[in-house]
Amino acid sequence: MRKIFSLALLAALFQFGSVSAQTPAYPAKQVRFIVPFGAGGGVDIFSRTLAQRMREQSGYTIVVENIPGADGNIGADLVAKAPADGYTVLMSAVTLQIINSALQPKLPYDLVRDFAPISLGTTAPLFLAVHHALPAKDFKEFSALAKARAGKLSYGSSGTGSSLHLAGVMLDKATGNETLHIPYKGGGPLMLDLIGGHIDYAWQLLGVMQSSVDSGKVRLLGVAALKRYPSMPNVPTMAEQGLPGFEAETVYGIMVPKGTPRAVQEKLNADVVKALESPDVKKKFLEQGMESFPSTQEAFANYLQTNIAKYSKIVKESGIKKD
């Protein structure tokens, strides 16, 4: 019996060893970071900065692929339908994907059902920026002007249903004012018209308009965050100016197809968080108007649930329809 038991044990150990040999440690090959937008944008900068750090610190072989189109939905759908092995990773414009899910119920993928969250990546609050000639030195004067010019004070966004548009909707609701929304095909044309005085104000990322702020072409009246931004300590939060809890931000994150092995998810989370917490990466992000925002997988999942509910309510109450 002892001999039979020994032989059985050896067979089991051999079988276990064979399985282990067939399951190399992650990552055993090239990892694809799918950026669902064109090169040079915020998600692209975030992705390439993170990829470079992960190559250096953990030996990953990462290729960043830009697959733009349909407000990021083409690249996201590609990842949703990719093999669940951790080698195809979505570099998510989380805020936009949440808004898309609220505006477009017939998307080919489901943000919660089809993806496993790895970690939040960066956060960038939106700033309230006005044309330099607008007669409003602070938010109190701005709000009074919006009331006096009901329906005539105009603001631009990078498109209907964008985070910049919804920030304007939220501000109107919070103040009881009515302003005129002008959608643009991207942040570039929007900034040109704000600088030129063709629109009165806009919500925008600091990294996009830093040079215009420095040159005095636009003026910042507030930041839609719960704390002041490190590089702009003199710009008060909207909460400080009478709008408690007012937040509007652009968040990026990392996701993989649902069903990816738990061990792979945990490994990827640990390496992403380590990279995001490195001083050089934090510095590079701050220079682009972003802050490192690493998280646990559970915290990312909770963030999704909370903000899907938040933006779905905003979209429903405002009656916004996608162009």
C-alpha atoms as a PDB file:
ATOM      1  CA  MET A   1       0.000   0.000   0.000  1.00  0.00           C
ATOM      2  CA  ARG A   2       2.854   2.359   0.874  1.00  0.00           C
ATOM      3  CA  LYS A   3       4.416   1.614  -2.511  1.00  0.00           C
ATOM      4  CA  ILE A   4       1.140   2.302  -4.316  1.00  0.00           C
ATOM      5  CA  PHE A   5       0.670   5.527  -2.346  1.00  0.00           C
ATOM      6  CA  SER A   6       4.213   6.653  -3.178  1.00  0.00           C
ATOM      7  CA  LEU A   7       3.706   5.967  -6.857  1.00  0.00           C
ATOM      8  CA  ALA A   8       0.402   7.881  -6.818  1.00  0.00           C
ATOM      9  CA  LEU A   9       2.070  10.812  -5.050  1.00  0.00           C
ATOM     10  CA  LEU A  10       4.912  10.870  -7.570  1.00  0.00           C
ATOM     11  CA  ALA A  11       2.400  10.807 -10.418  1.00  0.00           C
ATOM     12  CA  ALA A  12       0.471  13.692  -8.880  1.00  0.00           C
ATOM     13  CA  LEU A  13       3.643  15.714  -8.371  1.00  0.00           C
ATOM     14  CA  PHE A  14       4.719  15.028 -11.940  1.00  0.00           C
ATOM     15  CA  GLN A  15       1.313  16.091 -13.245  1.00  0.00           C
ATOM     16  CA  PHE A  16       1.391  19.274 -11.111  1.00  0.00           C
ATOM     17  CA  GLY A  17       4.871  20.040 -12.373  1.00  0.00           C
ATOM     18  CA  SER A  18       3.758  19.557 -15.964  1.00  0.00           C
ATOM     19  CA  VAL A  19       0.823  21.932 -15.482  1.00  0.00           C
ATOM     20  CA  SER A  20       3.078  24.479 -13.789  1.00  0.00           C
ATOM     21  CA  ALA A  21       5.557  24.225 -16.633  1.00  0.00           C
ATOM     22  CA  GLN A  22       2.745  24.859 -19.094  1.00  0.00           C
ATOM     23  CA  THR A  23       1.612  27.974 -17.187  1.00  0.00           C
ATOM     24  CA  PRO A  24       4.525  30.433 -17.242  1.00  0.00           C
ATOM     25  CA  ALA A  25       4.518  33.386 -14.903  1.00  0.00           C
ATOM     26  CA  TYR A  26       2.829  36.539 -16.164  1.00  0.00           C
ATOM     27  CA  PRO A  27       3.933  38.313 -18.283  1.00  0.00           C
ATOM     28  CA  ALA A  28       5.563  35.713 -20.523  1.00  0.00           C
ATOM     29  CA  LYS A  29       5.113  37.669 -23.765  1.00  0.00           C
ATOM     30  CA  GLN A  30       4.351  41.106 -25.124  1.00  0.00           C
ATOM     31  CA  VAL A  31       1.502  43.059 -23.489  1.00  0.00           C
ATOM     32  CA  ARG A  32      -0.657  45.328 -25.649  1.00  0.00           C
ATOM     33  CA  PHE A  33      -1.815  48.633 -24.166  1.00  0.00           C
ATOM     34  CA  ILE A  34      -4.827  49.617 -26.273  1.00  0.00           C
ATOM     35  CA  VAL A  35      -5.371  53.389 -26.396  1.00  0.00           C
ATOM     36  CA  PRO A  36      -8.834  54.003 -27.892  1.00  0.00           C
ATOM     37  CA  PHE A  37      -7.849  57.473 -29.142  1.00  0.00           C
ATOM     38  CA  GLY A  38      -5.247  59.007 -31.441  1.00  0.00           C
ATOM     39  CA  ALA A  39      -1.631  59.696 -30.575  1.00  0.00           C
ATOM     40  CA  GLY A  40      -0.725  62.789 -28.567  1.00  0.00           C
ATOM     41  CA  GLY A  41      -3.882  63.066 -26.462  1.00  0.00           C
ATOM     42  CA  GLY A  42      -4.228  62.701 -22.704  1.00  0.00           C
ATOM     43  CA  VAL A  43      -4.851  58.936 -22.672  1.00  0.00           C
ATOM     44  CA  ASP A  44      -1.924  58.402 -25.029  1.00  0.00           C
ATOM     45  CA  ILE A  45       0.456  60.435 -22.838  1.00  0.00           C
ATOM     46  CA  PHE A  46      -0.758  58.595 -19.742  1.00  0.00           C
ATOM     47  CA  SER A  47      -0.333  55.194 -21.399  1.00  0.00           C
ATOM     48  CA  ARG A  48       3.151  55.776 -22.792  1.00  0.00           C
ATOM     49  CA  THR A  49       4.418  57.238 -19.515  1.00  0.00           C
ATOM     50  CA  LEU A  50       3.097  54.256 -17.563  1.00  0.00           C
ATOM     51  CA  ALA A  51       4.358  51.722 -20.134  1.00  0.00           C
ATOM     52  CA  GLN A  52       7.878  53.139 -20.040  1.00  0.00           C
ATOM     53  CA  ARG A  53       8.022  52.955 -16.249  1.00  0.00           C
ATOM     54  CA  MET A  54       6.694  49.385 -16.177  1.00  0.00           C
ATOM     55  CA  ARG A  55       9.310  48.312 -18.717  1.00  0.00           C
ATOM     56  CA  GLU A  56      12.053  49.793 -16.554  1.00  0.00           C
ATOM     57  CA  GLN A  57      10.884  48.563 -13.154  1.00  0.00           C
ATOM     58  CA  SER A  58       9.352  45.166 -13.913  1.00  0.00           C
ATOM     59  CA  GLY A  59      10.734  44.060 -17.258  1.00  0.00           C
ATOM     60  CA  TYR A  60       7.451  44.168 -19.168  1.00  0.00           C
ATOM     61  CA  THR A  61       7.500  44.139 -22.952  1.00  0.00           C
ATOM     62  CA  ILE A  62       4.713  46.561 -23.769  1.00  0.00           C
ATOM     63  CA  VAL A  63       3.528  47.938 -27.093  1.00  0.00           C
ATOM     64  CA  VAL A  64       1.124  50.900 -27.074  1.00  0.00           C
ATOM     65  CA  GLU A  65      -1.458  50.695 -29.871  1.00  0.00           C
ATOM     66  CA  ASN A  66      -3.712  53.607 -30.834  1.00  0.00           C
ATOM     67  CA  ILE A  67      -7.119  52.408 -32.067  1.00  0.00           C
ATOM     68  CA  PRO A  68      -9.285  55.552 -32.255  1.00  0.00           C
ATOM     69  CA  GLY A  69     -12.894  55.972 -33.311  1.00  0.00           C
ATOM     70  CA  ALA A  70     -16.457  56.350 -32.047  1.00  0.00           C
ATOM     71  CA  ASP A  71     -15.557  58.244 -28.853  1.00  0.00           C
ATOM     72  CA  GLY A  72     -13.224  55.468 -27.767  1.00  0.00           C
ATOM     73  CA  ASN A  73     -15.757  52.703 -28.273  1.00  0.00           C
ATOM     74  CA  ILE A  74     -13.924  50.858 -31.073  1.00  0.00           C
ATOM     75  CA  GLY A  75     -10.798  50.271 -28.997  1.00  0.00           C
ATOM     76  CA  ALA A  76     -12.811  49.448 -25.886  1.00  0.00           C
ATOM     77  CA  ASP A  77     -14.897  46.879 -27.751  1.00  0.00           C
ATOM     78  CA  LEU A  78     -11.725  45.263 -29.127  1.00  0.00           C
ATOM     79  CA  VAL A  79     -10.436  44.707 -25.574  1.00  0.00           C
ATOM     80  CA  ALA A  80     -13.815  43.512 -24.312  1.00  0.00           C
ATOM     81  CA  LYS A  81     -13.763  40.748 -26.931  1.00  0.00           C
ATOM     82  CA  ALA A  82     -10.044  39.904 -26.616  1.00  0.00           C
ATOM     83  CA  PRO A  83      -8.787  36.706 -24.927  1.00  0.00           C
ATOM     84  CA  ALA A  84      -9.022  37.035 -21.139  1.00  0.00           C
ATOM     85  CA  ASP A  85      -5.340  36.387 -20.490  1.00  0.00           C
ATOM     86  CA  GLY A  86      -3.982  39.775 -19.431  1.00  0.00           C
ATOM     87  CA  TYR A  87      -2.115  40.467 -22.662  1.00  0.00           C
ATOM     88  CA  THR A  88      -4.653  42.918 -24.095  1.00  0.00           C
ATOM     89  CA  VAL A  89      -5.173  45.862 -21.724  1.00  0.00           C
ATOM     90  CA  LEU A  90      -7.553  48.789 -22.100  1.00  0.00           C
ATOM     91  CA  MET A  91      -6.092  52.183 -21.223  1.00  0.00           C
ATOM     92  CA  SER A  92      -9.450  53.612 -20.345  1.00  0.00           C
ATOM     93  CA  ALA A  93     -10.711  57.180 -20.459  1.00  0.00           C
ATOM     94  CA  VAL A  94     -12.877  56.145 -17.538  1.00  0.00           C
ATOM     95  CA  THR A  95     -14.988  59.297 -17.293  1.00  0.00           C
ATOM     96  CA  LEU A  96     -15.824  59.269 -21.003  1.00  0.00           C
ATOM     97  CA  GLN A  97     -16.653  55.562 -20.933  1.00  0.00           C
ATOM     98  CA  ILE A  98     -19.007  56.129 -18.009  1.00  0.00           C
ATOM     99  CA  ILE A  99     -20.724  58.984 -19.860  1.00  0.00           C
ATOM    100  CA  ASN A 100     -20.892  56.892 -23.049  1.00  0.00           C
ATOM    101  CA  SER A 101     -22.624  54.105 -21.153  1.00  0.00           C
ATOM    102  CA  ALA A 102     -25.233  56.598 -19.911  1.00  0.00           C
ATOM    103  CA  LEU A 103     -25.765  58.237 -23.312  1.00  0.00           C
ATOM    104  CA  GLN A 104     -25.538  55.145 -25.515  1.00  0.00           C
ATOM    105  CA  PRO A 105     -27.443  52.194 -24.024  1.00  0.00           C
ATOM    106  CA  LYS A 106     -26.817  50.082 -27.143  1.00  0.00           C
ATOM    107  CA  LEU A 107     -23.021  50.025 -26.925  1.00  0.00           C
ATOM    108  CA  PRO A 108     -21.478  46.723 -28.121  1.00  0.00           C
ATOM    109  CA  TYR A 109     -19.943  46.186 -24.677  1.00  0.00           C
ATOM    110  CA  ASP A 110     -20.927  46.706 -21.048  1.00  0.00           C
ATOM    111  CA  LEU A 111     -18.502  48.624 -18.846  1.00  0.00           C
ATOM    112  CA  VAL A 112     -19.167  46.486 -15.763  1.00  0.00           C
ATOM    113  CA  ARG A 113     -20.069  43.114 -17.281  1.00  0.00           C
ATOM    114  CA  ASP A 114     -17.246  42.875 -19.822  1.00  0.00           C
ATOM    115  CA  PHE A 115     -14.251  44.350 -17.974  1.00  0.00           C
ATOM    116  CA  ALA A 116     -12.246  43.645 -14.827  1.00  0.00           C
ATOM    117  CA  PRO A 117     -10.903  46.872 -13.274  1.00  0.00           C
ATOM    118  CA  ILE A 118      -7.169  46.800 -12.510  1.00  0.00           C
ATOM    119  CA  SER A 119      -6.408  50.255 -11.102  1.00  0.00           C
ATOM    120  CA  LEU A 120      -7.358  53.853 -11.491  1.00  0.00           C
ATOM    121  CA  GLY A 121      -4.506  55.696 -13.163  1.00  0.00           C
ATOM    122  CA  THR A 122      -4.668  59.481 -13.108  1.00  0.00           C
ATOM    123  CA  THR A 123      -7.160  62.173 -12.277  1.00  0.00           C
ATOM    124  CA  ALA A 124      -7.314  65.643 -13.755  1.00  0.00           C
ATOM    125  CA  PRO A 125      -9.859  68.144 -12.435  1.00  0.00           C
ATOM    126  CA  LEU A 126     -11.621  70.526 -14.762  1.00  0.00           C
ATOM    127  CA  PHE A 127     -10.993  74.254 -14.380  1.00  0.00           C
ATOM    128  CA  LEU A 128     -13.506  77.030 -14.999  1.00  0.00           C
ATOM    129  CA  ALA A 129     -11.793  79.295 -17.531  1.00  0.00           C
ATOM    130  CA  VAL A 130     -13.096  82.583 -18.946  1.00  0.00           C
ATOM    131  CA  HIS A 131     -11.980  84.833 -21.784  1.00  0.00           C
ATOM    132  CA  HIS A 132      -9.647  87.489 -20.381  1.00  0.00           C
ATOM    133  CA  ALA A 133     -12.036  90.332 -21.298  1.00  0.00           C
ATOM    134  CA  LEU A 134     -15.076  88.862 -19.539  1.00  0.00           C
ATOM    135  CA  PRO A 135     -16.004  91.318 -16.752  1.00  0.00           C
ATOM    136  CA  ALA A 136     -15.830  88.781 -13.930  1.00  0.00           C
ATOM    137  CA  LYS A 137     -12.797  88.688 -11.639  1.00  0.00           C
ATOM    138  CA  ASP A 138     -14.077  85.792  -9.515  1.00  0.00           C
ATOM    139  CA  PHE A 139     -16.814  83.169  -9.467  1.00  0.00           C
ATOM    140  CA  LYS A 140     -19.250  85.375  -7.533  1.00  0.00           C
ATOM    141  CA  GLU A 141     -19.080  88.028 -10.249  1.00  0.00           C
ATOM    142  CA  PHE A 142     -19.253  85.335 -12.935  1.00  0.00           C
ATOM    143  CA  SER A 143     -22.435  83.864 -11.446  1.00  0.00           C
ATOM    144  CA  ALA A 144     -24.031  87.301 -11.213  1.00  0.00           C
ATOM    145  CA  LEU A 145     -23.126  87.990 -14.851  1.00  0.00           C
ATOM    146  CA  ALA A 146     -24.624  84.667 -15.952  1.00  0.00           C
ATOM    147  CA  LYS A 147     -27.837  85.568 -14.162  1.00  0.00           C
ATOM    148  CA  ALA A 148     -27.951  89.035 -15.724  1.00  0.00           C
ATOM    149  CA  ARG A 149     -27.322  87.609 -19.209  1.00  0.00           C
ATOM    150  CA  ALA A 150     -29.658  84.631 -18.855  1.00  0.00           C
ATOM    151  CA  GLY A 151     -29.307  82.260 -21.806  1.00  0.00           C
ATOM    152  CA  LYS A 152     -26.692  84.431 -23.509  1.00  0.00           C
ATOM    153  CA  LEU A 153     -23.430  83.681 -21.701  1.00  0.00           C
ATOM    154  CA  SER A 154     -21.882  80.961 -23.844  1.00  0.00           C
ATOM    155  CA  TYR A 155     -19.598  78.066 -23.038  1.00  0.00           C
ATOM    156  CA  GLY A 156     -17.857  75.577 -25.272  1.00  0.00           C
ATOM    157  CA  SER A 157     -17.190  71.871 -24.933  1.00  0.00           C
ATOM    158  CA  SER A 158     -15.367  69.191 -26.895  1.00  0.00           C
ATOM    159  CA  GLY A 159     -18.712  67.763 -27.966  1.00  0.00           C
ATOM    160  CA  THR A 160     -22.227  66.967 -26.807  1.00  0.00           C
ATOM    161  CA  GLY A 161     -22.085  64.511 -23.942  1.00  0.00           C
ATOM    162  CA  SER A 162     -18.416  65.148 -23.187  1.00  0.00           C
ATOM    163  CA  SER A 163     -17.211  65.662 -19.611  1.00  0.00           C
ATOM    164  CA  LEU A 164     -16.722  69.363 -20.461  1.00  0.00           C
ATOM    165  CA  HIS A 165     -20.365  69.601 -21.551  1.00  0.00           C
ATOM    166  CA  LEU A 166     -21.690  67.824 -18.472  1.00  0.00           C
ATOM    167  CA  ALA A 167     -19.639  70.109 -16.206  1.00  0.00           C
ATOM    168  CA  GLY A 168     -21.488  73.049 -17.752  1.00  0.00           C
ATOM    169  CA  VAL A 169     -24.825  71.317 -17.212  1.00  0.00           C
ATOM    170  CA  MET A 170     -23.889  70.647 -13.586  1.00  0.00           C
ATOM    171  CA  LEU A 171     -22.884  74.291 -13.042  1.00  0.00           C
ATOM    172  CA  ASP A 172     -26.158  75.607 -14.449  1.00  0.00           C
ATOM    173  CA  LYS A 173     -28.094  73.264 -12.202  1.00  0.00           C
ATOM    174  CA  ALA A 174     -26.046  74.143  -9.118  1.00  0.00           C
ATOM    175  CA  THR A 175     -26.388  77.897  -9.623  1.00  0.00           C
ATOM    176  CA  GLY A 176     -29.867  78.050 -11.132  1.00  0.00           C
ATOM    177  CA  ASN A 177     -28.468  79.923 -14.121  1.00  0.00           C
ATOM    178  CA  GLU A 178     -28.996  79.229 -17.805  1.00  0.00           C
ATOM    179  CA  THR A 179     -26.058  79.457 -20.206  1.00  0.00           C
ATOM    180  CA  LEU A 180     -25.656  78.610 -23.887  1.00  0.00           C
ATOM    181  CA  HIS A 181     -23.774  75.425 -24.823  1.00  0.00           C
ATOM    182  CA  ILE A 182     -21.636  75.481 -27.989  1.00  0.00           C
ATOM    183  CA  PRO A 183     -20.263  72.019 -28.918  1.00  0.00           C
ATOM    184  CA  TYR A 184     -16.988  71.725 -30.824  1.00  0.00           C
ATOM    185  CA  LYS A 185     -15.257  68.805 -32.529  1.00  0.00           C
ATOM    186  CA  GLY A 186     -12.470  68.572 -29.982  1.00  0.00           C
ATOM    187  CA  GLY A 187     -10.611  70.638 -27.427  1.00  0.00           C
ATOM    188  CA  GLY A 188      -8.390  72.406 -29.967  1.00  0.00           C
ATOM    189  CA  PRO A 189     -11.123  74.369 -31.791  1.00  0.00           C
ATOM    190  CA  LEU A 190     -12.772  75.050 -28.433  1.00  0.00           C
ATOM    191  CA  MET A 191      -9.631  76.711 -27.047  1.00  0.00           C
ATOM    192  CA  LEU A 192      -9.137  78.799 -30.202  1.00  0.00           C
ATOM    193  CA  ASP A 193     -12.614  80.280 -29.830  1.00  0.00           C
ATOM    194  CA  LEU A 194     -12.212  80.834 -26.087  1.00  0.00           C
ATOM    195  CA  ILE A 195      -8.925  82.675 -26.649  1.00  0.00           C
ATOM    196  CA  GLY A 196     -10.520  84.657 -29.472  1.00  0.00           C
ATOM    197  CA  GLY A 197     -13.500  85.664 -27.361  1.00  0.00           C
ATOM    198  CA  HIS A 198     -16.075  83.896 -29.534  1.00  0.00           C
ATOM    199  CA  ILE A 199     -17.322  82.077 -26.436  1.00  0.00           C
ATOM    200  CA  ASP A 200     -17.327  83.413 -22.891  1.00  0.00           C
ATOM    201  CA  TYR A 201     -16.122  80.451 -20.846  1.00  0.00           C
ATOM    202  CA  ALA A 202     -15.322  76.759 -20.790  1.00  0.00           C
ATOM    203  CA  TRP A 203     -14.496  73.879 -18.500  1.00  0.00           C
ATOM    204  CA  GLN A 204     -11.115  72.508 -19.487  1.00  0.00           C
ATOM    205  CA  LEU A 205      -8.099  70.511 -18.349  1.00  0.00           C
ATOM    206  CA  LEU A 206      -5.170  72.541 -17.107  1.00  0.00           C
ATOM    207  CA  GLY A 207      -2.699  70.682 -19.315  1.00  0.00           C
ATOM    208  CA  VAL A 208      -4.616  71.770 -22.438  1.00  0.00           C
ATOM    209  CA  MET A 209      -4.665  75.491 -21.584  1.00  0.00           C
ATOM    210  CA  GLN A 210      -1.600  76.058 -19.389  1.00  0.00           C
ATOM    211  CA  SER A 211       0.137  78.263 -21.985  1.00  0.00           C
ATOM    212  CA  SER A 212      -3.038  80.335 -22.471  1.00  0.00           C
ATOM    213  CA  VAL A 213      -3.310  80.837 -18.722  1.00  0.00           C
ATOM    214  CA  ASP A 214       0.360  81.799 -18.445  1.00  0.00           C
ATOM    215  CA  SER A 215       0.011  84.344 -21.266  1.00  0.00           C
ATOM    216  CA  GLY A 216      -3.119  85.893 -19.738  1.00  0.00           C
ATOM    217  CA  LYS A 217      -5.384  84.991 -22.653  1.00  0.00           C
ATOM    218  CA  VAL A 218      -7.747  83.122 -20.334  1.00  0.00           C
ATOM    219  CA  ARG A 219      -8.388  83.476 -16.624  1.00  0.00           C
ATOM    220  CA  LEU A 220      -9.145  80.692 -14.132  1.00  0.00           C
ATOM    221  CA  LEU A 221     -12.013  81.245 -11.701  1.00  0.00           C
ATOM    222  CA  GLY A 222     -12.214  77.859 -10.018  1.00  0.00           C
ATOM    223  CA  VAL A 223     -11.348  74.183 -10.005  1.00  0.00           C
ATOM    224  CA  ALA A 224     -13.967  71.420  -9.793  1.00  0.00           C
ATOM    225  CA  ALA A 225     -12.172  69.372  -7.151  1.00  0.00           C
ATOM    226  CA  LEU A 226     -12.407  68.903  -3.398  1.00  0.00           C
ATOM    227  CA  LYS A 227      -8.921  70.334  -2.904  1.00  0.00           C
ATOM    228  CA  ARG A 228      -6.836  72.973  -4.654  1.00  0.00           C
ATOM    229  CA  TYR A 229      -4.600  71.769  -7.442  1.00  0.00           C
ATOM    230  CA  PRO A 230      -0.891  71.588  -6.456  1.00  0.00           C
ATOM    231  CA  SER A 231       0.441  73.697  -9.334  1.00  0.00           C
ATOM    232  CA  MET A 232      -2.388  76.244  -9.085  1.00  0.00           C
ATOM    233  CA  PRO A 233      -2.720  76.862  -5.325  1.00  0.00           C
ATOM    234  CA  ASN A 234      -4.262  80.305  -5.814  1.00  0.00           C
ATOM    235  CA  VAL A 235      -7.253  78.968  -7.745  1.00  0.00           C
ATOM    236  CA  PRO A 236     -10.067  78.210  -5.255  1.00  0.00           C
ATOM    237  CA  THR A 237     -12.248  75.121  -5.448  1.00  0.00           C
ATOM    238  CA  MET A 238     -15.891  75.465  -6.406  1.00  0.00           C
ATOM    239  CA  ALA A 239     -16.772  74.184  -2.933  1.00  0.00           C
ATOM    240  CA  GLU A 240     -14.904  77.128  -1.384  1.00  0.00           C
ATOM    241  CA  GLN A 241     -17.026  79.434  -3.533  1.00  0.00           C
ATOM    242  CA  GLY A 242     -20.412  78.184  -2.420  1.00  0.00           C
ATOM    243  CA  LEU A 243     -20.907  74.923  -4.323  1.00  0.00           C
ATOM    244  CA  PRO A 244     -20.174  72.142  -1.799  1.00  0.00           C
ATOM    245  CA  GLY A 245     -19.271  68.793  -3.315  1.00  0.00           C
ATOM    246  CA  PHE A 246     -18.964  70.163  -6.855  1.00  0.00           C
ATOM    247  CA  GLU A 247     -16.584  67.836  -8.713  1.00  0.00           C
ATOM    248  CA  ALA A 248     -15.880  67.400 -12.402  1.00  0.00           C
ATOM    249  CA  GLU A 249     -12.820  65.541 -13.544  1.00  0.00           C
ATOM    250  CA  THR A 250     -11.260  63.394 -16.209  1.00  0.00           C
ATOM    251  CA  VAL A 251     -10.063  60.037 -14.898  1.00  0.00           C
ATOM    252  CA  TYR A 252      -7.964  57.431 -16.696  1.00  0.00           C
ATOM    253  CA  GLY A 253      -7.597  53.805 -15.662  1.00  0.00           C
ATOM    254  CA  ILE A 254      -6.512  50.321 -16.606  1.00  0.00           C
ATOM    255  CA  MET A 255      -8.881  47.430 -17.393  1.00  0.00           C
ATOM    256  CA  VAL A 256      -8.699  43.907 -18.802  1.00  0.00           C
ATOM    257  CA  PRO A 257     -11.348  41.545 -20.188  1.00  0.00           C
ATOM    258  CA  LYS A 258     -13.607  39.989 -17.568  1.00  0.00           C
ATOM    259  CA  GLY A 259     -12.497  36.439 -16.811  1.00  0.00           C
ATOM    260  CA  THR A 260      -8.790  37.239 -16.783  1.00  0.00           C
ATOM    261  CA  PRO A 261      -7.185  34.946 -14.140  1.00  0.00           C
ATOM    262  CA  ARG A 262      -7.203  36.498 -10.689  1.00  0.00           C
ATOM    263  CA  ALA A 263      -3.466  35.967 -10.231  1.00  0.00           C
ATOM    264  CA  VAL A 264      -2.798  37.904 -13.448  1.00  0.00           C
ATOM    265  CA  GLN A 265      -5.082  40.736 -12.336  1.00  0.00           C
ATOM    266  CA  GLU A 266      -3.310  40.978  -8.982  1.00  0.00           C
ATOM    267  CA  LYS A 267       0.143  40.944 -10.581  1.00  0.00           C
ATOM    268  CA  LEU A 268      -0.852  43.654 -13.049  1.00  0.00           C
ATOM    269  CA  ASN A 269      -2.397  45.760 -10.281  1.00  0.00           C
ATOM    270  CA  ALA A 270       0.740  45.524  -8.135  1.00  0.00           C
ATOM    271  CA  ASP A 271       3.038  46.561 -11.000  1.00  0.00           C
ATOM    272  CA  VAL A 272       0.754  49.379 -12.186  1.00  0.00           C
ATOM    273  CA  VAL A 273       0.409  50.811  -8.677  1.00  0.00           C
ATOM    274  CA  LYS A 274       4.174  50.628  -8.143  1.00  0.00           C
ATOM    275  CA  ALA A 275       4.747  52.561 -11.376  1.00  0.00           C
ATOM    276  CA  LEU A 276       2.103  55.167 -10.579  1.00  0.00           C
ATOM    277  CA  GLU A 277       3.647  55.776  -7.164  1.00  0.00           C
ATOM    278  CA  SER A 278       7.168  56.375  -8.500  1.00  0.00           C
ATOM    279  CA  PRO A 279       8.331  60.013  -8.076  1.00  0.00           C
ATOM    280  CA  ASP A 280       9.383  60.464 -11.707  1.00  0.00           C
ATOM    281  CA  VAL A 281       5.990  59.322 -13.013  1.00  0.00           C
ATOM    282  CA  LYS A 282       4.168  61.594 -10.570  1.00  0.00           C
ATOM    283  CA  LYS A 283       6.296  64.517 -11.736  1.00  0.00           C
ATOM    284  CA  LYS A 284       5.635  63.823 -15.420  1.00  0.00           C
ATOM    285  CA  PHE A 285       1.895  63.607 -14.824  1.00  0.00           C
ATOM    286  CA  LEU A 286       1.801  66.877 -12.857  1.00  0.00           C
ATOM    287  CA  GLU A 287       3.559  68.590 -15.761  1.00  0.00           C
ATOM    288  CA  GLN A 288       0.634  67.444 -17.937  1.00  0.00           C
ATOM    289  CA  GLY A 289      -2.025  68.645 -15.497  1.00  0.00           C
ATOM    290  CA  MET A 290      -2.711  65.174 -14.078  1.00  0.00           C
ATOM    291  CA  GLU A 291      -2.164  63.514 -10.704  1.00  0.00           C
ATOM    292  CA  SER A 292      -1.298  59.856 -10.131  1.00  0.00           C
ATOM    293  CA  PHE A 293      -4.383  58.080  -8.819  1.00  0.00           C
ATOM    294  CA  PRO A 294      -3.476  54.424  -8.070  1.00  0.00           C
ATOM    295  CA  SER A 295      -6.080  52.236  -6.415  1.00  0.00           C
ATOM    296  CA  THR A 296      -7.064  48.731  -5.453  1.00  0.00           C
ATOM    297  CA  GLN A 297      -9.287  46.810  -7.834  1.00  0.00           C
ATOM    298  CA  GLU A 298     -12.132  47.061  -5.356  1.00  0.00           C
ATOM    299  CA  ALA A 299     -11.796  50.858  -5.104  1.00  0.00           C
ATOM    300  CA  PHE A 300     -11.905  51.115  -8.904  1.00  0.00           C
ATOM    301  CA  ALA A 301     -15.051  48.959  -9.033  1.00  0.00           C
ATOM    302  CA  ASN A 302     -16.697  51.174  -6.403  1.00  0.00           C
ATOM    303  CA  TYR A 303     -15.683  54.284  -8.357  1.00  0.00           C
ATOM    304  CA  LEU A 304     -17.387  52.888 -11.453  1.00  0.00           C
ATOM    305  CA  GLN A 305     -20.623  52.096  -9.609  1.00  0.00           C
ATOM    306  CA  THR A 306     -20.798  55.516  -7.943  1.00  0.00           C
ATOM    307  CA  ASN A 307     -20.074  57.509 -11.083  1.00  0.00           C
ATOM    308  CA  ILE A 308     -22.246  55.453 -13.416  1.00  0.00           C
ATOM    309  CA  ALA A 309     -25.147  56.336 -11.107  1.00  0.00           C
ATOM    310  CA  LYS A 310     -24.052  59.995 -10.914  1.00  0.00           C
ATOM    311  CA  TYR A 311     -23.738  60.593 -14.649  1.00  0.00           C
ATOM    312  CA  SER A 312     -26.783  58.521 -15.561  1.00  0.00           C
ATOM    313  CA  LYS A 313     -28.837  60.816 -13.332  1.00  0.00           C
ATOM    314  CA  ILE A 314     -27.319  63.952 -14.892  1.00  0.00           C
ATOM    315  CA  VAL A 315     -27.976  62.683 -18.420  1.00  0.00           C
ATOM    316  CA  LYS A 316     -31.550  61.672 -17.594  1.00  0.00           C
ATOM    317  CA  GLU A 317     -32.455  64.917 -15.819  1.00  0.00           C
ATOM    318  CA  SER A 318     -30.879  67.147 -18.462  1.00  0.00           C
ATOM    319  CA  GLY A 319     -32.328  65.291 -21.440  1.00  0.00           C
ATOM    320  CA  ILE A 320     -28.962  65.278 -23.254  1.00  0.00           C
ATOM    321  CA  LYS A 321     -28.976  63.292 -26.478  1.00  0.00           C
ATOM    322  CA  LYS A 322     -25.856  62.141 -28.324  1.00  0.00           C
ATOM    323  CA  ASP A 323     -25.313  63.832 -31.686  1.00  0.00           C
END
